[in-house]
């Protein structure tokens, strides 16, 4: 007759703790870093400096620059990677922002 060996409680606890500690670290290591993402964006788009005029909205400007793309996605990328996370809904006249223009569009 073969006896089953039970794992000691501390071995289970150590295993669980290792799992909880290493899982986020592995996930983070697999994510691309900001420079990689920025480089991939610049392969398809050029960054355009815009001086905001009275009554302009970032959404409308971005739509004009990339008419065949989702303007919200484009604004997110522009905000996060080229405007230091600035909220694009809060632009004011005279401010300079950076938006993305499709390289293929003329």
C-alpha atoms as a PDB file:
ATOM      1  CA  UNK A   1       0.000   0.000   0.000  1.00  0.00           C
ATOM      2  CA  UNK A   2       1.381   3.413  -1.007  1.00  0.00           C
ATOM      3  CA  UNK A   3       1.035   6.219   1.485  1.00  0.00           C
ATOM      4  CA  UNK A   4       0.198   9.673   0.201  1.00  0.00           C
ATOM      5  CA  UNK A   5       2.507  12.364   1.477  1.00  0.00           C
ATOM      6  CA  UNK A   6       0.805  15.529   2.510  1.00  0.00           C
ATOM      7  CA  UNK A   7       2.498  18.822   1.790  1.00  0.00           C
ATOM      8  CA  UNK A   8       3.370  20.653   4.890  1.00  0.00           C
ATOM      9  CA  UNK A   9       1.249  23.777   5.387  1.00  0.00           C
ATOM     10  CA  UNK A  10       4.260  26.102   5.142  1.00  0.00           C
ATOM     11  CA  UNK A  11       5.154  24.694   1.691  1.00  0.00           C
ATOM     12  CA  UNK A  12       1.676  25.549   0.446  1.00  0.00           C
ATOM     13  CA  UNK A  13       1.917  29.059   1.918  1.00  0.00           C
ATOM     14  CA  UNK A  14       5.332  29.657   0.333  1.00  0.00           C
ATOM     15  CA  UNK A  15       4.006  28.426  -3.022  1.00  0.00           C
ATOM     16  CA  UNK A  16       1.003  30.727  -2.863  1.00  0.00           C
ATOM     17  CA  UNK A  17       3.163  33.705  -1.866  1.00  0.00           C
ATOM     18  CA  UNK A  18       5.590  33.060  -4.727  1.00  0.00           C
ATOM     19  CA  UNK A  19       2.695  32.850  -7.154  1.00  0.00           C
ATOM     20  CA  UNK A  20       1.214  36.137  -5.902  1.00  0.00           C
ATOM     21  CA  UNK A  21       4.572  37.912  -6.078  1.00  0.00           C
ATOM     22  CA  UNK A  22       5.753  36.596  -9.451  1.00  0.00           C
ATOM     23  CA  UNK A  23       2.512  36.805 -11.455  1.00  0.00           C
ATOM     24  CA  UNK A  24       2.403  40.640 -11.703  1.00  0.00           C
ATOM     25  CA  UNK A  25       6.137  40.766 -12.393  1.00  0.00           C
ATOM     26  CA  UNK A  26       5.849  38.346 -15.304  1.00  0.00           C
ATOM     27  CA  UNK A  27       2.860  40.238 -16.719  1.00  0.00           C
ATOM     28  CA  UNK A  28       4.737  43.532 -16.510  1.00  0.00           C
ATOM     29  CA  UNK A  29       7.795  42.033 -18.234  1.00  0.00           C
ATOM     30  CA  UNK A  30       5.648  40.919 -21.166  1.00  0.00           C
ATOM     31  CA  UNK A  31       4.106  44.375 -21.750  1.00  0.00           C
ATOM     32  CA  UNK A  32       5.821  46.592 -24.312  1.00  0.00           C
ATOM     33  CA  UNK A  33       7.476  49.661 -22.828  1.00  0.00           C
ATOM     34  CA  UNK A  34       6.506  53.228 -23.761  1.00  0.00           C
ATOM     35  CA  UNK A  35       9.468  53.667 -26.132  1.00  0.00           C
ATOM     36  CA  UNK A  36       8.515  50.546 -28.095  1.00  0.00           C
ATOM     37  CA  UNK A  37       4.906  51.707 -28.379  1.00  0.00           C
ATOM     38  CA  UNK A  38       5.970  55.248 -29.316  1.00  0.00           C
ATOM     39  CA  UNK A  39       8.243  53.849 -32.060  1.00  0.00           C
ATOM     40  CA  UNK A  40       5.469  51.677 -33.492  1.00  0.00           C
ATOM     41  CA  UNK A  41       3.115  54.682 -33.539  1.00  0.00           C
ATOM     42  CA  UNK A  42       5.706  56.793 -35.371  1.00  0.00           C
ATOM     43  CA  UNK A  43       6.015  54.128 -38.071  1.00  0.00           C
ATOM     44  CA  UNK A  44       2.418  54.838 -39.124  1.00  0.00           C
ATOM     45  CA  UNK A  45       1.809  58.415 -37.984  1.00  0.00           C
ATOM     46  CA  UNK A  46       3.596  61.714 -37.806  1.00  0.00           C
ATOM     47  CA  UNK A  47       3.283  64.025 -34.826  1.00  0.00           C
ATOM     48  CA  UNK A  48       1.775  67.395 -35.691  1.00  0.00           C
ATOM     49  CA  UNK A  49       2.115  70.462 -33.478  1.00  0.00           C
ATOM     50  CA  UNK A  50      -1.216  72.292 -33.208  1.00  0.00           C
ATOM     51  CA  UNK A  51      -1.810  75.707 -31.698  1.00  0.00           C
ATOM     52  CA  UNK A  52      -5.395  75.623 -30.491  1.00  0.00           C
ATOM     53  CA  UNK A  53      -7.669  78.389 -31.734  1.00  0.00           C
ATOM     54  CA  UNK A  54     -10.818  79.659 -30.048  1.00  0.00           C
ATOM     55  CA  UNK A  55     -13.659  77.141 -30.335  1.00  0.00           C
ATOM     56  CA  UNK A  56     -11.525  74.245 -31.505  1.00  0.00           C
ATOM     57  CA  UNK A  57     -11.881  70.811 -29.944  1.00  0.00           C
ATOM     58  CA  UNK A  58      -9.188  68.154 -29.954  1.00  0.00           C
ATOM     59  CA  UNK A  59     -11.657  65.544 -31.204  1.00  0.00           C
ATOM     60  CA  UNK A  60     -12.552  67.568 -34.315  1.00  0.00           C
ATOM     61  CA  UNK A  61      -8.926  68.429 -35.078  1.00  0.00           C
ATOM     62  CA  UNK A  62      -7.911  64.768 -34.700  1.00  0.00           C
ATOM     63  CA  UNK A  63     -10.798  63.643 -36.910  1.00  0.00           C
ATOM     64  CA  UNK A  64      -9.568  65.972 -39.662  1.00  0.00           C
ATOM     65  CA  UNK A  65      -6.005  64.634 -39.342  1.00  0.00           C
ATOM     66  CA  UNK A  66      -7.009  60.946 -39.393  1.00  0.00           C
ATOM     67  CA  UNK A  67     -10.448  60.688 -41.026  1.00  0.00           C
ATOM     68  CA  UNK A  68     -10.249  56.898 -41.487  1.00  0.00           C
ATOM     69  CA  UNK A  69      -9.248  56.127 -37.890  1.00  0.00           C
ATOM     70  CA  UNK A  70     -11.100  56.140 -34.581  1.00  0.00           C
ATOM     71  CA  UNK A  71     -10.495  59.674 -33.268  1.00  0.00           C
ATOM     72  CA  UNK A  72     -10.809  58.599 -29.624  1.00  0.00           C
ATOM     73  CA  UNK A  73      -8.100  55.951 -30.031  1.00  0.00           C
ATOM     74  CA  UNK A  74      -5.874  58.486 -31.768  1.00  0.00           C
ATOM     75  CA  UNK A  75      -6.442  61.068 -29.011  1.00  0.00           C
ATOM     76  CA  UNK A  76      -5.596  58.503 -26.366  1.00  0.00           C
ATOM     77  CA  UNK A  77      -2.299  57.675 -28.072  1.00  0.00           C
ATOM     78  CA  UNK A  78      -1.486  61.354 -28.640  1.00  0.00           C
ATOM     79  CA  UNK A  79      -2.328  62.239 -25.056  1.00  0.00           C
ATOM     80  CA  UNK A  80      -0.468  59.372 -23.434  1.00  0.00           C
ATOM     81  CA  UNK A  81       2.646  59.229 -25.595  1.00  0.00           C
ATOM     82  CA  UNK A  82       3.141  62.788 -26.874  1.00  0.00           C
ATOM     83  CA  UNK A  83       1.354  65.168 -24.450  1.00  0.00           C
ATOM     84  CA  UNK A  84       2.393  63.803 -21.040  1.00  0.00           C
ATOM     85  CA  UNK A  85      -1.078  62.385 -20.349  1.00  0.00           C
ATOM     86  CA  UNK A  86      -2.893  65.689 -20.860  1.00  0.00           C
ATOM     87  CA  UNK A  87      -6.675  65.457 -20.905  1.00  0.00           C
ATOM     88  CA  UNK A  88      -7.575  66.408 -24.470  1.00  0.00           C
ATOM     89  CA  UNK A  89     -11.062  67.523 -23.475  1.00  0.00           C
ATOM     90  CA  UNK A  90      -9.530  70.411 -21.532  1.00  0.00           C
ATOM     91  CA  UNK A  91      -7.662  72.300 -24.256  1.00  0.00           C
ATOM     92  CA  UNK A  92      -7.823  76.104 -24.394  1.00  0.00           C
ATOM     93  CA  UNK A  93      -7.145  78.689 -27.087  1.00  0.00           C
ATOM     94  CA  UNK A  94      -3.457  79.515 -27.451  1.00  0.00           C
ATOM     95  CA  UNK A  95      -2.302  76.174 -26.065  1.00  0.00           C
ATOM     96  CA  UNK A  96       0.018  73.941 -28.094  1.00  0.00           C
ATOM     97  CA  UNK A  97      -0.820  70.244 -28.329  1.00  0.00           C
ATOM     98  CA  UNK A  98       0.588  67.367 -30.354  1.00  0.00           C
ATOM     99  CA  UNK A  99      -1.727  65.170 -32.393  1.00  0.00           C
ATOM    100  CA  UNK A 100      -1.195  62.347 -34.858  1.00  0.00           C
ATOM    101  CA  UNK A 101      -1.540  62.542 -38.628  1.00  0.00           C
ATOM    102  CA  UNK A 102      -1.733  59.500 -40.844  1.00  0.00           C
ATOM    103  CA  UNK A 103       1.424  59.256 -42.976  1.00  0.00           C
ATOM    104  CA  UNK A 104      -0.620  57.822 -45.858  1.00  0.00           C
ATOM    105  CA  UNK A 105      -3.108  60.723 -45.938  1.00  0.00           C
ATOM    106  CA  UNK A 106      -2.241  63.676 -48.170  1.00  0.00           C
END
